[in-house]
């Protein structure tokens, strides 16, 4: 059932029906985890949020 809720939340977020926080809640994830899920699936994040900076060794 978890997968169905996640797919539904992703679909509703992508279509603009749910906000980021609503979709994360619907999916049963924290907002940070849901953002990671969106990024991994190549789904653009609509809301302006402060993403954690990734540090690269260099």
C-alpha atoms as a PDB file:
ATOM      1  CA  UNK A   1       0.000   0.000   0.000  1.00  0.00           C
ATOM      2  CA  UNK A   2       2.939   2.321   0.681  1.00  0.00           C
ATOM      3  CA  UNK A   3       3.964   2.272  -2.981  1.00  0.00           C
ATOM      4  CA  UNK A   4       0.451   3.184  -4.116  1.00  0.00           C
ATOM      5  CA  UNK A   5       0.347   6.142  -1.698  1.00  0.00           C
ATOM      6  CA  UNK A   6       3.762   7.332  -2.898  1.00  0.00           C
ATOM      7  CA  UNK A   7       2.867   7.086  -6.587  1.00  0.00           C
ATOM      8  CA  UNK A   8      -0.430   8.871  -5.935  1.00  0.00           C
ATOM      9  CA  UNK A   9       1.340  11.636  -4.003  1.00  0.00           C
ATOM     10  CA  UNK A  10       3.938  12.057  -6.765  1.00  0.00           C
ATOM     11  CA  UNK A  11       1.239  12.231  -9.424  1.00  0.00           C
ATOM     12  CA  UNK A  12      -0.881  14.721  -7.494  1.00  0.00           C
ATOM     13  CA  UNK A  13       2.155  16.875  -6.690  1.00  0.00           C
ATOM     14  CA  UNK A  14       3.346  16.851 -10.295  1.00  0.00           C
ATOM     15  CA  UNK A  15      -0.115  17.854 -11.543  1.00  0.00           C
ATOM     16  CA  UNK A  16      -0.283  20.731  -9.062  1.00  0.00           C
ATOM     17  CA  UNK A  17      -3.160  19.264  -7.061  1.00  0.00           C
ATOM     18  CA  UNK A  18      -1.116  18.947  -3.846  1.00  0.00           C
ATOM     19  CA  UNK A  19       1.527  21.214  -2.366  1.00  0.00           C
ATOM     20  CA  UNK A  20       4.901  19.817  -1.405  1.00  0.00           C
ATOM     21  CA  UNK A  21       3.965  19.442   2.259  1.00  0.00           C
ATOM     22  CA  UNK A  22       0.573  17.913   1.405  1.00  0.00           C
ATOM     23  CA  UNK A  23       2.139  15.404  -0.982  1.00  0.00           C
ATOM     24  CA  UNK A  24       4.838  14.437   1.520  1.00  0.00           C
ATOM     25  CA  UNK A  25       2.193  13.871   4.166  1.00  0.00           C
ATOM     26  CA  UNK A  26       0.055  11.843   1.758  1.00  0.00           C
ATOM     27  CA  UNK A  27       3.084   9.687   0.923  1.00  0.00           C
ATOM     28  CA  UNK A  28       3.884   9.193   4.602  1.00  0.00           C
ATOM     29  CA  UNK A  29       7.294  10.818   4.213  1.00  0.00           C
ATOM     30  CA  UNK A  30       9.016  13.803   5.728  1.00  0.00           C
ATOM     31  CA  UNK A  31       9.244  16.790   3.422  1.00  0.00           C
ATOM     32  CA  UNK A  32      13.019  16.287   3.069  1.00  0.00           C
ATOM     33  CA  UNK A  33      12.576  12.636   2.102  1.00  0.00           C
ATOM     34  CA  UNK A  34       9.848  13.530  -0.381  1.00  0.00           C
ATOM     35  CA  UNK A  35      12.115  16.166  -1.956  1.00  0.00           C
ATOM     36  CA  UNK A  36      14.811  13.514  -2.368  1.00  0.00           C
ATOM     37  CA  UNK A  37      12.235  11.216  -3.985  1.00  0.00           C
ATOM     38  CA  UNK A  38      11.226  13.988  -6.396  1.00  0.00           C
ATOM     39  CA  UNK A  39      14.850  14.675  -7.303  1.00  0.00           C
ATOM     40  CA  UNK A  40      15.610  10.995  -7.904  1.00  0.00           C
ATOM     41  CA  UNK A  41      12.619  10.738 -10.227  1.00  0.00           C
ATOM     42  CA  UNK A  42      13.442  13.958 -12.079  1.00  0.00           C
ATOM     43  CA  UNK A  43      10.259  15.722 -10.965  1.00  0.00           C
ATOM     44  CA  UNK A  44      10.722  19.502 -10.680  1.00  0.00           C
ATOM     45  CA  UNK A  45      10.140  21.065  -7.272  1.00  0.00           C
ATOM     46  CA  UNK A  46       7.591  23.860  -7.635  1.00  0.00           C
ATOM     47  CA  UNK A  47       7.844  25.572  -4.266  1.00  0.00           C
ATOM     48  CA  UNK A  48      10.789  27.750  -3.354  1.00  0.00           C
ATOM     49  CA  UNK A  49      12.709  25.832  -0.735  1.00  0.00           C
ATOM     50  CA  UNK A  50      16.219  25.938   0.609  1.00  0.00           C
ATOM     51  CA  UNK A  51      17.838  22.725  -0.512  1.00  0.00           C
ATOM     52  CA  UNK A  52      20.804  21.522   1.521  1.00  0.00           C
ATOM     53  CA  UNK A  53      24.090  22.339  -0.143  1.00  0.00           C
ATOM     54  CA  UNK A  54      26.036  19.361  -1.383  1.00  0.00           C
ATOM     55  CA  UNK A  55      29.719  19.582  -0.643  1.00  0.00           C
ATOM     56  CA  UNK A  56      32.137  18.120  -3.128  1.00  0.00           C
ATOM     57  CA  UNK A  57      35.645  17.093  -2.196  1.00  0.00           C
ATOM     58  CA  UNK A  58      38.001  18.908  -4.323  1.00  0.00           C
END
